Amino acid sequence: MARMRYEIIFSPEAAEDFQSLKAHLRSLVRDEIERHLRFEPKKESKSRIKKLKKMNRPQYRLRVEEIRIFYDVRGNRVEILAIVQKSEAASWLESIGRGK
């Protein structure tokens, strides 16, 4: 059975976040997005993907070293909302995230 391939879309803010990363981190983040979000963006794991509780938006978080990638899944699309340092993740969620 073929796996569904998800389209990955960056919000304007996430695209800006991505471009502001150092080159080696940008490469790592791109590889991890491709590895984890292209085919199984909802597959939770202890260390990588976490479904955010009490949140309508973003729905998920992907951890890549000290980087946190927040995203939503709708149909066959993954929308990346932000790419932030771990140290900024809580304040970003507080200011941007929408609770249920």
PDB file of N, CA and C in Angstrom:
ATOM      1  N   MET A   1       0.837  -1.184   0.000  1.00  0.00           N
ATOM      2  CA  MET A   1       0.000   0.000   0.000  1.00  0.00           C
ATOM      3  C   MET A   1       0.881   1.247   0.000  1.00  0.00           C
ATOM      4  N   ALA A   2       0.615   2.153  -0.914  1.00  0.00           N
ATOM      5  CA  ALA A   2       1.408   3.375  -1.017  1.00  0.00           C
ATOM      6  C   ALA A   2       1.072   4.326   0.126  1.00  0.00           C
ATOM      7  N   ARG A   3       2.097   4.945   0.650  1.00  0.00           N
ATOM      8  CA  ARG A   3       1.876   5.929   1.709  1.00  0.00           C
ATOM      9  C   ARG A   3       1.449   7.248   1.081  1.00  0.00           C
ATOM     10  N   MET A   4       0.597   7.954   1.803  1.00  0.00           N
ATOM     11  CA  MET A   4       0.166   9.252   1.318  1.00  0.00           C
ATOM     12  C   MET A   4       1.317  10.242   1.449  1.00  0.00           C
ATOM     13  N   ARG A   5       1.516  11.016   0.428  1.00  0.00           N
ATOM     14  CA  ARG A   5       2.563  12.040   0.429  1.00  0.00           C
ATOM     15  C   ARG A   5       1.910  13.374   0.771  1.00  0.00           C
ATOM     16  N   TYR A   6       2.415  14.033   1.792  1.00  0.00           N
ATOM     17  CA  TYR A   6       1.868  15.316   2.226  1.00  0.00           C
ATOM     18  C   TYR A   6       2.599  16.460   1.528  1.00  0.00           C
ATOM     19  N   GLU A   7       1.836  17.472   1.181  1.00  0.00           N
ATOM     20  CA  GLU A   7       2.412  18.694   0.638  1.00  0.00           C
ATOM     21  C   GLU A   7       2.863  19.535   1.838  1.00  0.00           C
ATOM     22  N   ILE A   8       4.062  20.068   1.777  1.00  0.00           N
ATOM     23  CA  ILE A   8       4.580  20.864   2.889  1.00  0.00           C
ATOM     24  C   ILE A   8       4.601  22.329   2.479  1.00  0.00           C
ATOM     25  N   ILE A   9       3.942  23.154   3.292  1.00  0.00           N
ATOM     26  CA  ILE A   9       3.811  24.579   3.014  1.00  0.00           C
ATOM     27  C   ILE A   9       4.359  25.353   4.203  1.00  0.00           C
ATOM     28  N   PHE A  10       5.145  26.359   3.918  1.00  0.00           N
ATOM     29  CA  PHE A  10       5.673  27.229   4.965  1.00  0.00           C
ATOM     30  C   PHE A  10       4.842  28.499   5.017  1.00  0.00           C
ATOM     31  N   SER A  11       4.405  28.891   6.218  1.00  0.00           N
ATOM     32  CA  SER A  11       3.768  30.194   6.364  1.00  0.00           C
ATOM     33  C   SER A  11       4.857  31.232   6.087  1.00  0.00           C
ATOM     34  N   PRO A  12       4.478  32.476   5.759  1.00  0.00           N
ATOM     35  CA  PRO A  12       5.510  33.502   5.529  1.00  0.00           C
ATOM     36  C   PRO A  12       6.458  33.638   6.734  1.00  0.00           C
ATOM     37  N   GLU A  13       5.908  33.552   7.936  1.00  0.00           N
ATOM     38  CA  GLU A  13       6.730  33.669   9.141  1.00  0.00           C
ATOM     39  C   GLU A  13       7.711  32.501   9.251  1.00  0.00           C
ATOM     40  N   ALA A  14       7.230  31.287   8.976  1.00  0.00           N
ATOM     41  CA  ALA A  14       8.098  30.111   9.061  1.00  0.00           C
ATOM     42  C   ALA A  14       9.193  30.163   7.995  1.00  0.00           C
ATOM     43  N   ALA A  15       8.853  30.671   6.809  1.00  0.00           N
ATOM     44  CA  ALA A  15       9.858  30.799   5.740  1.00  0.00           C
ATOM     45  C   ALA A  15      10.955  31.768   6.190  1.00  0.00           C
ATOM     46  N   GLU A  16      10.551  32.842   6.846  1.00  0.00           N
ATOM     47  CA  GLU A  16      11.514  33.805   7.390  1.00  0.00           C
ATOM     48  C   GLU A  16      12.375  33.160   8.471  1.00  0.00           C
ATOM     49  N   ASP A  17      11.714  32.422   9.371  1.00  0.00           N
ATOM     50  CA  ASP A  17      12.442  31.702  10.433  1.00  0.00           C
ATOM     51  C   ASP A  17      13.482  30.768   9.811  1.00  0.00           C
ATOM     52  N   PHE A  18      13.063  30.036   8.785  1.00  0.00           N
ATOM     53  CA  PHE A  18      13.931  29.056   8.121  1.00  0.00           C
ATOM     54  C   PHE A  18      15.153  29.751   7.520  1.00  0.00           C
ATOM     55  N   GLN A  19      14.921  30.857   6.818  1.00  0.00           N
ATOM     56  CA  GLN A  19      16.021  31.578   6.173  1.00  0.00           C
ATOM     57  C   GLN A  19      17.002  32.166   7.183  1.00  0.00           C
ATOM     58  N   SER A  20      16.513  32.468   8.385  1.00  0.00           N
ATOM     59  CA  SER A  20      17.388  33.088   9.382  1.00  0.00           C
ATOM     60  C   SER A  20      18.271  32.072  10.116  1.00  0.00           C
ATOM     61  N   LEU A  21      18.021  30.780   9.898  1.00  0.00           N
ATOM     62  CA  LEU A  21      18.857  29.750  10.525  1.00  0.00           C
ATOM     63  C   LEU A  21      20.244  29.725   9.877  1.00  0.00           C
ATOM     64  N   LYS A  22      21.238  29.322  10.663  1.00  0.00           N
ATOM     65  CA  LYS A  22      22.568  29.116  10.092  1.00  0.00           C
ATOM     66  C   LYS A  22      22.478  27.975   9.080  1.00  0.00           C
ATOM     67  N   ALA A  23      23.378  27.979   8.108  1.00  0.00           N
ATOM     68  CA  ALA A  23      23.312  27.026   6.990  1.00  0.00           C
ATOM     69  C   ALA A  23      23.241  25.568   7.455  1.00  0.00           C
ATOM     70  N   HIS A  24      24.065  25.163   8.422  1.00  0.00           N
ATOM     71  CA  HIS A  24      24.059  23.754   8.843  1.00  0.00           C
ATOM     72  C   HIS A  24      22.726  23.398   9.513  1.00  0.00           C
ATOM     73  N   LEU A  25      22.144  24.338  10.264  1.00  0.00           N
ATOM     74  CA  LEU A  25      20.838  24.067  10.884  1.00  0.00           C
ATOM     75  C   LEU A  25      19.733  24.028   9.841  1.00  0.00           C
ATOM     76  N   ARG A  26      19.823  24.908   8.855  1.00  0.00           N
ATOM     77  CA  ARG A  26      18.828  24.936   7.785  1.00  0.00           C
ATOM     78  C   ARG A  26      18.800  23.581   7.075  1.00  0.00           C
ATOM     79  N   SER A  27      19.980  23.053   6.795  1.00  0.00           N
ATOM     80  CA  SER A  27      20.086  21.754   6.135  1.00  0.00           C
ATOM     81  C   SER A  27      19.493  20.642   7.004  1.00  0.00           C
ATOM     82  N   LEU A  28      19.817  20.655   8.286  1.00  0.00           N
ATOM     83  CA  LEU A  28      19.300  19.657   9.221  1.00  0.00           C
ATOM     84  C   LEU A  28      17.774  19.749   9.330  1.00  0.00           C
ATOM     85  N   VAL A  29      17.265  20.963   9.481  1.00  0.00           N
ATOM     86  CA  VAL A  29      15.812  21.172   9.593  1.00  0.00           C
ATOM     87  C   VAL A  29      15.109  20.700   8.325  1.00  0.00           C
ATOM     88  N   ARG A  30      15.660  21.040   7.161  1.00  0.00           N
ATOM     89  CA  ARG A  30      15.061  20.607   5.890  1.00  0.00           C
ATOM     90  C   ARG A  30      15.005  19.076   5.820  1.00  0.00           C
ATOM     91  N   ASP A  31      16.104  18.424   6.187  1.00  0.00           N
ATOM     92  CA  ASP A  31      16.148  16.957   6.155  1.00  0.00           C
ATOM     93  C   ASP A  31      15.127  16.342   7.114  1.00  0.00           C
ATOM     94  N   GLU A  32      15.016  16.887   8.314  1.00  0.00           N
ATOM     95  CA  GLU A  32      14.090  16.346   9.310  1.00  0.00           C
ATOM     96  C   GLU A  32      12.632  16.595   8.921  1.00  0.00           C
ATOM     97  N   ILE A  33      12.346  17.750   8.335  1.00  0.00           N
ATOM     98  CA  ILE A  33      10.988  18.019   7.841  1.00  0.00           C
ATOM     99  C   ILE A  33      10.637  16.976   6.782  1.00  0.00           C
ATOM    100  N   GLU A  34      11.556  16.746   5.874  1.00  0.00           N
ATOM    101  CA  GLU A  34      11.328  15.765   4.810  1.00  0.00           C
ATOM    102  C   GLU A  34      11.160  14.364   5.390  1.00  0.00           C
ATOM    103  N   ARG A  35      11.995  13.995   6.333  1.00  0.00           N
ATOM    104  CA  ARG A  35      11.969  12.651   6.924  1.00  0.00           C
ATOM    105  C   ARG A  35      10.702  12.408   7.736  1.00  0.00           C
ATOM    106  N   HIS A  36      10.290  13.379   8.540  1.00  0.00           N
ATOM    107  CA  HIS A  36       9.201  13.143   9.480  1.00  0.00           C
ATOM    108  C   HIS A  36       7.840  13.661   9.024  1.00  0.00           C
ATOM    109  N   LEU A  37       7.815  14.720   8.234  1.00  0.00           N
ATOM    110  CA  LEU A  37       6.528  15.339   7.917  1.00  0.00           C
ATOM    111  C   LEU A  37       6.007  15.030   6.519  1.00  0.00           C
ATOM    112  N   ARG A  38       6.856  14.578   5.622  1.00  0.00           N
ATOM    113  CA  ARG A  38       6.408  14.329   4.237  1.00  0.00           C
ATOM    114  C   ARG A  38       5.393  13.181   4.175  1.00  0.00           C
ATOM    115  N   PHE A  39       5.577  12.129   4.984  1.00  0.00           N
ATOM    116  CA  PHE A  39       4.695  10.967   4.890  1.00  0.00           C
ATOM    117  C   PHE A  39       3.914  10.662   6.176  1.00  0.00           C
ATOM    118  N   GLU A  40       4.451  10.994   7.328  1.00  0.00           N
ATOM    119  CA  GLU A  40       3.776  10.641   8.593  1.00  0.00           C
ATOM    120  C   GLU A  40       3.803  11.795   9.601  1.00  0.00           C
ATOM    121  N   PRO A  41       3.199  12.927   9.243  1.00  0.00           N
ATOM    122  CA  PRO A  41       3.283  14.094  10.130  1.00  0.00           C
ATOM    123  C   PRO A  41       2.516  13.940  11.441  1.00  0.00           C
ATOM    124  N   LYS A  42       1.625  12.944  11.521  1.00  0.00           N
ATOM    125  CA  LYS A  42       0.840  12.750  12.742  1.00  0.00           C
ATOM    126  C   LYS A  42       1.372  11.620  13.619  1.00  0.00           C
ATOM    127  N   LYS A  43       2.462  10.986  13.184  1.00  0.00           N
ATOM    128  CA  LYS A  43       3.003   9.846  13.932  1.00  0.00           C
ATOM    129  C   LYS A  43       3.815  10.351  15.120  1.00  0.00           C
ATOM    130  N   GLU A  44       3.189  10.281  16.288  1.00  0.00           N
ATOM    131  CA  GLU A  44       3.838  10.779  17.501  1.00  0.00           C
ATOM    132  C   GLU A  44       4.963   9.851  17.938  1.00  0.00           C
ATOM    133  N   SER A  45       5.973  10.464  18.548  1.00  0.00           N
ATOM    134  CA  SER A  45       7.073   9.689  19.118  1.00  0.00           C
ATOM    135  C   SER A  45       7.545  10.402  20.379  1.00  0.00           C
ATOM    136  N   LYS A  46       8.234   9.682  21.221  1.00  0.00           N
ATOM    137  CA  LYS A  46       8.695  10.276  22.478  1.00  0.00           C
ATOM    138  C   LYS A  46       9.655  11.438  22.246  1.00  0.00           C
ATOM    139  N   SER A  47      10.519  11.296  21.260  1.00  0.00           N
ATOM    140  CA  SER A  47      11.573  12.295  21.106  1.00  0.00           C
ATOM    141  C   SER A  47      11.344  13.310  19.986  1.00  0.00           C
ATOM    142  N   ARG A  48      10.532  13.006  19.012  1.00  0.00           N
ATOM    143  CA  ARG A  48      10.420  13.879  17.839  1.00  0.00           C
ATOM    144  C   ARG A  48       9.103  14.650  17.742  1.00  0.00           C
ATOM    145  N   ILE A  49       8.014  13.928  17.493  1.00  0.00           N
ATOM    146  CA  ILE A  49       6.736  14.572  17.197  1.00  0.00           C
ATOM    147  C   ILE A  49       5.810  14.486  18.399  1.00  0.00           C
ATOM    148  N   LYS A  50       5.214  15.607  18.719  1.00  0.00           N
ATOM    149  CA  LYS A  50       4.301  15.675  19.853  1.00  0.00           C
ATOM    150  C   LYS A  50       3.026  16.381  19.410  1.00  0.00           C
ATOM    151  N   LYS A  51       1.891  15.751  19.684  1.00  0.00           N
ATOM    152  CA  LYS A  51       0.607  16.412  19.448  1.00  0.00           C
ATOM    153  C   LYS A  51       0.385  17.343  20.628  1.00  0.00           C
ATOM    154  N   LEU A  52       0.124  18.596  20.333  1.00  0.00           N
ATOM    155  CA  LEU A  52      -0.023  19.580  21.405  1.00  0.00           C
ATOM    156  C   LEU A  52      -1.423  19.521  21.980  1.00  0.00           C
ATOM    157  N   LYS A  53      -1.496  19.327  23.267  1.00  0.00           N
ATOM    158  CA  LYS A  53      -2.787  19.232  23.944  1.00  0.00           C
ATOM    159  C   LYS A  53      -3.288  20.641  24.252  1.00  0.00           C
ATOM    160  N   LYS A  54      -4.600  20.778  24.316  1.00  0.00           N
ATOM    161  CA  LYS A  54      -5.236  22.061  24.618  1.00  0.00           C
ATOM    162  C   LYS A  54      -4.940  23.134  23.573  1.00  0.00           C
ATOM    163  N   MET A  55      -4.563  22.719  22.359  1.00  0.00           N
ATOM    164  CA  MET A  55      -4.257  23.679  21.300  1.00  0.00           C
ATOM    165  C   MET A  55      -5.056  23.331  20.044  1.00  0.00           C
ATOM    166  N   ASN A  56      -5.655  24.343  19.440  1.00  0.00           N
ATOM    167  CA  ASN A  56      -6.245  24.174  18.117  1.00  0.00           C
ATOM    168  C   ASN A  56      -5.193  24.457  17.064  1.00  0.00           C
ATOM    169  N   ARG A  57      -4.335  25.391  17.376  1.00  0.00           N
ATOM    170  CA  ARG A  57      -3.294  25.781  16.443  1.00  0.00           C
ATOM    171  C   ARG A  57      -2.106  26.268  17.223  1.00  0.00           C
ATOM    172  N   PRO A  58      -0.933  25.783  17.023  1.00  0.00           N
ATOM    173  CA  PRO A  58      -0.578  24.659  16.155  1.00  0.00           C
ATOM    174  C   PRO A  58      -1.023  23.325  16.766  1.00  0.00           C
ATOM    175  N   GLN A  59      -1.117  22.342  15.906  1.00  0.00           N
ATOM    176  CA  GLN A  59      -1.547  21.022  16.354  1.00  0.00           C
ATOM    177  C   GLN A  59      -0.363  20.160  16.814  1.00  0.00           C
ATOM    178  N   TYR A  60       0.807  20.364  16.209  1.00  0.00           N
ATOM    179  CA  TYR A  60       1.951  19.488  16.459  1.00  0.00           C
ATOM    180  C   TYR A  60       3.245  20.281  16.607  1.00  0.00           C
ATOM    181  N   ARG A  61       4.228  19.585  17.214  1.00  0.00           N
ATOM    182  CA  ARG A  61       5.576  20.126  17.329  1.00  0.00           C
ATOM    183  C   ARG A  61       6.565  19.045  16.927  1.00  0.00           C
ATOM    184  N   LEU A  62       7.508  19.411  16.077  1.00  0.00           N
ATOM    185  CA  LEU A  62       8.616  18.533  15.705  1.00  0.00           C
ATOM    186  C   LEU A  62       9.875  19.088  16.357  1.00  0.00           C
ATOM    187  N   ARG A  63      10.612  18.224  17.050  1.00  0.00           N
ATOM    188  CA  ARG A  63      11.853  18.639  17.705  1.00  0.00           C
ATOM    189  C   ARG A  63      13.049  18.241  16.852  1.00  0.00           C
ATOM    190  N   VAL A  64      13.907  19.216  16.592  1.00  0.00           N
ATOM    191  CA  VAL A  64      15.153  18.968  15.863  1.00  0.00           C
ATOM    192  C   VAL A  64      16.260  19.651  16.667  1.00  0.00           C
ATOM    193  N   GLU A  65      16.990  18.881  17.446  1.00  0.00           N
ATOM    194  CA  GLU A  65      18.002  19.409  18.351  1.00  0.00           C
ATOM    195  C   GLU A  65      17.397  20.521  19.202  1.00  0.00           C
ATOM    196  N   GLU A  66      17.937  21.753  19.118  1.00  0.00           N
ATOM    197  CA  GLU A  66      17.420  22.864  19.942  1.00  0.00           C
ATOM    198  C   GLU A  66      16.360  23.684  19.197  1.00  0.00           C
ATOM    199  N   ILE A  67      15.878  23.165  18.092  1.00  0.00           N
ATOM    200  CA  ILE A  67      14.877  23.857  17.266  1.00  0.00           C
ATOM    201  C   ILE A  67      13.527  23.185  17.462  1.00  0.00           C
ATOM    202  N   ARG A  68      12.471  23.982  17.489  1.00  0.00           N
ATOM    203  CA  ARG A  68      11.103  23.466  17.561  1.00  0.00           C
ATOM    204  C   ARG A  68      10.351  23.957  16.335  1.00  0.00           C
ATOM    205  N   ILE A  69       9.710  23.010  15.643  1.00  0.00           N
ATOM    206  CA  ILE A  69       8.940  23.328  14.441  1.00  0.00           C
ATOM    207  C   ILE A  69       7.477  23.074  14.776  1.00  0.00           C
ATOM    208  N   PHE A  70       6.673  24.126  14.696  1.00  0.00           N
ATOM    209  CA  PHE A  70       5.248  24.021  15.004  1.00  0.00           C
ATOM    210  C   PHE A  70       4.479  23.963  13.701  1.00  0.00           C
ATOM    211  N   TYR A  71       3.503  23.029  13.633  1.00  0.00           N
ATOM    212  CA  TYR A  71       2.782  22.858  12.370  1.00  0.00           C
ATOM    213  C   TYR A  71       1.381  22.310  12.582  1.00  0.00           C
ATOM    214  N   ASP A  72       0.569  22.475  11.539  1.00  0.00           N
ATOM    215  CA  ASP A  72      -0.791  21.934  11.479  1.00  0.00           C
ATOM    216  C   ASP A  72      -0.861  20.939  10.329  1.00  0.00           C
ATOM    217  N   VAL A  73      -1.783  20.001  10.441  1.00  0.00           N
ATOM    218  CA  VAL A  73      -2.042  19.060   9.350  1.00  0.00           C
ATOM    219  C   VAL A  73      -3.508  19.201   8.971  1.00  0.00           C
ATOM    220  N   ARG A  74      -3.754  19.481   7.691  1.00  0.00           N
ATOM    221  CA  ARG A  74      -5.116  19.589   7.174  1.00  0.00           C
ATOM    222  C   ARG A  74      -5.187  18.822   5.854  1.00  0.00           C
ATOM    223  N   GLY A  75      -5.961  17.746   5.842  1.00  0.00           N
ATOM    224  CA  GLY A  75      -6.042  16.927   4.630  1.00  0.00           C
ATOM    225  C   GLY A  75      -4.664  16.373   4.312  1.00  0.00           C
ATOM    226  N   ASN A  76      -4.187  16.645   3.087  1.00  0.00           N
ATOM    227  CA  ASN A  76      -2.866  16.138   2.687  1.00  0.00           C
ATOM    228  C   ASN A  76      -1.815  17.244   2.721  1.00  0.00           C
ATOM    229  N   ARG A  77      -2.063  18.287   3.542  1.00  0.00           N
ATOM    230  CA  ARG A  77      -1.129  19.402   3.630  1.00  0.00           C
ATOM    231  C   ARG A  77      -0.601  19.574   5.047  1.00  0.00           C
ATOM    232  N   VAL A  78       0.686  19.823   5.124  1.00  0.00           N
ATOM    233  CA  VAL A  78       1.336  20.171   6.389  1.00  0.00           C
ATOM    234  C   VAL A  78       1.699  21.645   6.267  1.00  0.00           C
ATOM    235  N   GLU A  79       1.159  22.467   7.167  1.00  0.00           N
ATOM    236  CA  GLU A  79       1.511  23.883   7.157  1.00  0.00           C
ATOM    237  C   GLU A  79       2.441  24.164   8.325  1.00  0.00           C
ATOM    238  N   ILE A  80       3.659  24.539   7.999  1.00  0.00           N
ATOM    239  CA  ILE A  80       4.634  24.878   9.025  1.00  0.00           C
ATOM    240  C   ILE A  80       4.389  26.327   9.417  1.00  0.00           C
ATOM    241  N   LEU A  81       4.113  26.529  10.710  1.00  0.00           N
ATOM    242  CA  LEU A  81       3.744  27.851  11.212  1.00  0.00           C
ATOM    243  C   LEU A  81       4.944  28.617  11.743  1.00  0.00           C
ATOM    244  N   ALA A  82       5.879  27.921  12.362  1.00  0.00           N
ATOM    245  CA  ALA A  82       7.042  28.591  12.938  1.00  0.00           C
ATOM    246  C   ALA A  82       8.178  27.606  13.161  1.00  0.00           C
ATOM    247  N   ILE A  83       9.390  28.151  13.110  1.00  0.00           N
ATOM    248  CA  ILE A  83      10.598  27.396  13.418  1.00  0.00           C
ATOM    249  C   ILE A  83      11.340  28.263  14.436  1.00  0.00           C
ATOM    250  N   VAL A  84      11.342  27.819  15.685  1.00  0.00           N
ATOM    251  CA  VAL A  84      11.898  28.658  16.754  1.00  0.00           C
ATOM    252  C   VAL A  84      12.887  27.881  17.617  1.00  0.00           C
ATOM    253  N   GLN A  85      13.758  28.610  18.286  1.00  0.00           N
ATOM    254  CA  GLN A  85      14.672  28.003  19.246  1.00  0.00           C
ATOM    255  C   GLN A  85      13.864  27.456  20.413  1.00  0.00           C
ATOM    256  N   LYS A  86      14.353  26.395  21.013  1.00  0.00           N
ATOM    257  CA  LYS A  86      13.677  25.813  22.174  1.00  0.00           C
ATOM    258  C   LYS A  86      13.411  26.878  23.239  1.00  0.00           C
ATOM    259  N   SER A  87      14.365  27.758  23.453  1.00  0.00           N
ATOM    260  CA  SER A  87      14.235  28.784  24.490  1.00  0.00           C
ATOM    261  C   SER A  87      13.099  29.774  24.211  1.00  0.00           C
ATOM    262  N   GLU A  88      12.694  29.891  22.937  1.00  0.00           N
ATOM    263  CA  GLU A  88      11.630  30.823  22.560  1.00  0.00           C
ATOM    264  C   GLU A  88      10.286  30.125  22.360  1.00  0.00           C
ATOM    265  N   ALA A  89      10.257  28.801  22.418  1.00  0.00           N
ATOM    266  CA  ALA A  89       9.062  28.031  22.077  1.00  0.00           C
ATOM    267  C   ALA A  89       7.871  28.361  22.969  1.00  0.00           C
ATOM    268  N   ALA A  90       8.075  28.421  24.274  1.00  0.00           N
ATOM    269  CA  ALA A  90       6.961  28.678  25.202  1.00  0.00           C
ATOM    270  C   ALA A  90       6.362  30.056  24.966  1.00  0.00           C
ATOM    271  N   SER A  91       7.204  31.067  24.796  1.00  0.00           N
ATOM    272  CA  SER A  91       6.667  32.414  24.582  1.00  0.00           C
ATOM    273  C   SER A  91       5.988  32.517  23.216  1.00  0.00           C
ATOM    274  N   TRP A  92       6.523  31.809  22.206  1.00  0.00           N
ATOM    275  CA  TRP A  92       5.875  31.823  20.889  1.00  0.00           C
ATOM    276  C   TRP A  92       4.473  31.195  21.008  1.00  0.00           C
ATOM    277  N   LEU A  93       4.377  30.050  21.655  1.00  0.00           N
ATOM    278  CA  LEU A  93       3.092  29.380  21.825  1.00  0.00           C
ATOM    279  C   LEU A  93       2.106  30.262  22.587  1.00  0.00           C
ATOM    280  N   GLU A  94       2.592  30.930  23.606  1.00  0.00           N
ATOM    281  CA  GLU A  94       1.742  31.789  24.412  1.00  0.00           C
ATOM    282  C   GLU A  94       1.183  32.948  23.592  1.00  0.00           C
ATOM    283  N   SER A  95       2.014  33.511  22.715  1.00  0.00           N
ATOM    284  CA  SER A  95       1.577  34.683  21.954  1.00  0.00           C
ATOM    285  C   SER A  95       0.820  34.322  20.678  1.00  0.00           C
ATOM    286  N   ILE A  96       1.143  33.188  20.073  1.00  0.00           N
ATOM    287  CA  ILE A  96       0.554  32.844  18.769  1.00  0.00           C
ATOM    288  C   ILE A  96      -0.436  31.687  18.852  1.00  0.00           C
ATOM    289  N   GLY A  97      -0.154  30.720  19.704  1.00  0.00           N
ATOM    290  CA  GLY A  97      -0.983  29.517  19.769  1.00  0.00           C
ATOM    291  C   GLY A  97      -2.416  29.822  20.152  1.00  0.00           C
ATOM    292  N   ARG A  98      -3.320  29.001  19.674  1.00  0.00           N
ATOM    293  CA  ARG A  98      -4.743  29.142  20.006  1.00  0.00           C
ATOM    294  C   ARG A  98      -5.205  27.920  20.751  1.00  0.00           C
ATOM    295  N   GLY A  99      -5.688  28.150  21.957  1.00  0.00           N
ATOM    296  CA  GLY A  99      -6.198  27.051  22.780  1.00  0.00           C
ATOM    297  C   GLY A  99      -7.551  26.567  22.315  1.00  0.00           C
ATOM    298  N   LYS A 100      -7.930  25.428  22.824  1.00  0.00           N
ATOM    299  CA  LYS A 100      -9.245  24.856  22.477  1.00  0.00           C
ATOM    300  C   LYS A 100     -10.329  25.496  23.282  1.00  0.00           C
TER     301      LYS A 100
END
